[in-house]
Each structure stands twice: as C-alpha cells, then as structure tokens.
Amino acid sequence: MPDMSAGAALPKPERPRAVTALGNAAEIEAQIVAAFGGAAPGLVLVFASDGSLIAPLTGALAARFGTACRVVGCSSAGEFAFAGYDNRGAVAIAFPAAHFEGEAVWLRRLRDHAALDWMATLRAASARVPDRPGRVRFGILLIDGLSKREELVTATVEATLPGVLVLGGSAGDGLRFGRTHLAIDGESCPQSAVLCLMSTDYRIEEVVFDHFTPAGQRMVVTEALPEERLILEINAEPAAEEYARRIGLPVADLGPRAFAENPLLVRIGRRHFVRAILEVTEGGGLRMMSAVDEGVMMTLGRAEDLTGGFEARLAQLAGPAALILGFDCILRRIALEQAGLQETVGRIFHDYNIAGFNTYGEQHGGIHVNQTFVGLAFLQGEDDDAAQL
C-alpha cells in the first residue's frame, strides 16, 4: 500500500480549488482564468456535459496558464463543485504547482487492446514522476465511457503502477450515450484514456461508497456476448423479460429510472459490486455498463439510505478536506434526484468541498464499478480555509 500520510497536517497557503463556469465558451474560459489566474496551477481538470467544449477549452486554458500546467478534460453526464448536480456549463479544478507536480499521458487505441503500449507509456511516466520522501503519488484516470475497455485499462494501470492509488471515472455524454470527448492541452483523441500521474505533499484518502446491499434473488447469466457487454439470457430466459419479472415491472417500463433503482450485483471476494444496466436492446437483451460473461452469478441490489451512509463515510475522514475530487455515477444522480434529495446532496458537496463529474462508471483498486461514488480527499490542517470559489 502507498504511504498516504505524506505531508504534515499543517495549513498550506495554496490549496486545490474548484469553480463552476457558465455561459458560452469564451465566458467559461474567462471565468476559469479569473478564478485560478493567481493560483499558479500545475494541473487543471475540466469537466463539461457539452463535449464540444473540451478540446478548445483545454487548449485555451493551456495557453493561458503556460507550459508548467497541464490541462486535462473530459465530457460528462453532469458536473458538481461544492453544490448540487449541474450540466449547464463546466467545472474546473486547479491543483497548485506548489504542492502538485506530475504528468498527463494518453493511453491510446483502446479497441486494439494495446496493453503493452500502455504499460510502456505508464512506466515512462512513472520514471518522470518518481517517489520522493515526504510526498505521495496518486493517479487520476479518465476513460472513454463508451469504449467498453474500462476493465482492461484499469487492470493494466494497477499492474503497471503497483502501490500507487489510482482512481477515476468514465467520460460521459449526458444520457445520450453517443460520443465522449477527452483532451490534453487542446489535443483530443478518440477511443483513448488519460492518466494523470501526480505527486503531492498533501495527505490523501480514498472515499468509496455505494448504497446497495444484496436482495437475495440470485440469477445466473446463461447466455452473453462479453465483447459487447450484452446479456442475452438470465436463468435460460430472455434477459430483459427475466429482469423485469424479478423487479415487478413490464419490459416496456424498463429505463434509466428502473435501472438506477434495481441494479445487478456481482460478488468479488467478500464484497458486492454494482453492475449497472445501460439499456434494453431490440432483441430483448440487457446491455451493461461493465463486463459480463456467461456463468456469472448475479443478485438484485436493494437500495439503502442514499445520503446518510455517504455523509457518515465522509465524517470518518482522517481530517478536513481542502477538496475531494469526486467521480459519481450518473445512475446514482438519477436515483438521488428521483428521491428528491438534490438539496441534501448539494449541502453534502458544499460541507465537504466535493467537486467532480457524473460518470458512466468508476475505477478504483484496479476494478471498474458502477453506481458508486469514488473520491480522492486532499486533507488539510485544522486551520486551513475551504477552497471554495
């Protein structure tokens, strides 16, 4: 395990910051520059539901912040910065160069399974961002959320960078599921992932939370197309029909709301992980947002308290957070909004300085999951002020 206690719990003059920017592209750029211009950032992350903003915005910001700063962005299914969910503009997060240094690299050609190339790229980045006394390394992973390659990418990163805490999210496209966008300093690349390998003197802590427990109704995948993440049969019955029967709905009523409230769970080791459903296909199959295979045993998930457990987990942090970088599944957002909990979520994000984006999937510990909040807390001293703008 990495030493995540590097850096004393003392106030730091420069802290990670986040801002929500609204308006047209020029107005969004101006607001971000105004918010971060005096911060001398070493890394800026940009998330926007409008994917067409990502490449030009990261390029413009890279020109404004200079060569010492990398600007990395991806399209999303919504954003948040110290308030509730939004999708009207962009969220930007700045990590000051005084406390953060690192690299941003492309992992290209996801459909080609180019794992050997990715490993070479990751090893080179690791050599440029070595371990140093008093600091801890971490990785931020952004993956094309329509590539169906998150499991392979995440496992490759975990194997190549042992001991480095890596987490992230799958880039989205609202609820359109058409095309995602990723960019580094204005350069975009389809069918790719980005790994930001960083070093900091902040203490860091991982936050992982989902709100489901097994409901006891076990099912087995009896026919599937793993490469397409497609379940054709469950218990030797058409997948959509069997799933709908189990949750007490007609097939015609299956959609994002039903999927958000009734996910499938898979047990790995001692834990259950969510395997979310993307859509019902024309042939009556279930297209998933994570890997599937024949013979896999699944169970329905039962929703627990959507916000109470989340806030309780945040209250257990080893110290107050200057910022929590959050990756929150779009299906969690749907469930929270349907439950009328937008204000509660906004208060929690405000109280704990949480900023990030809604994803098509989340990555942590070398695995790809769904309907989970995954976050990285940057812990501050007791006397630090919040980093909200």
Foldseek 3Di string as FASTA:
>chain_A
DADLCFADQAFDPAAKFKDFFADDLVRRLVVVCVLCVPQLFQEKEKEALPQVSFLVSLQVVCVSSDPSHKYKYKYFQFWDWLFFTGHRGMMMMGGGPVFKHFDKDKAADLVVLPLVVVLVVLVVRCVVVDDDHRKAKAKEKEFALLLQRVLSVLLSNCVSDPNHWYKYFYGDNHLPSDGMWIDMNNDTGGRMMMMTIMMGNFRKDKDKDFFWDFPPDKWFQADADQSQQKGQDIPNHGALCVQCVVVVHDSVPDDLLVQLQKFKWADDDNDIFTWTWSDQDPNRITRISHGDDGGGMIGIIHGDDLPPVRLVRLVPDPAAFLAKEKEAAPSSVVNCVVVVNRRVVRNSCNVRRYIYHHHSWMDTPSGIGHRMMIIMGGHHHPPYDHNYD
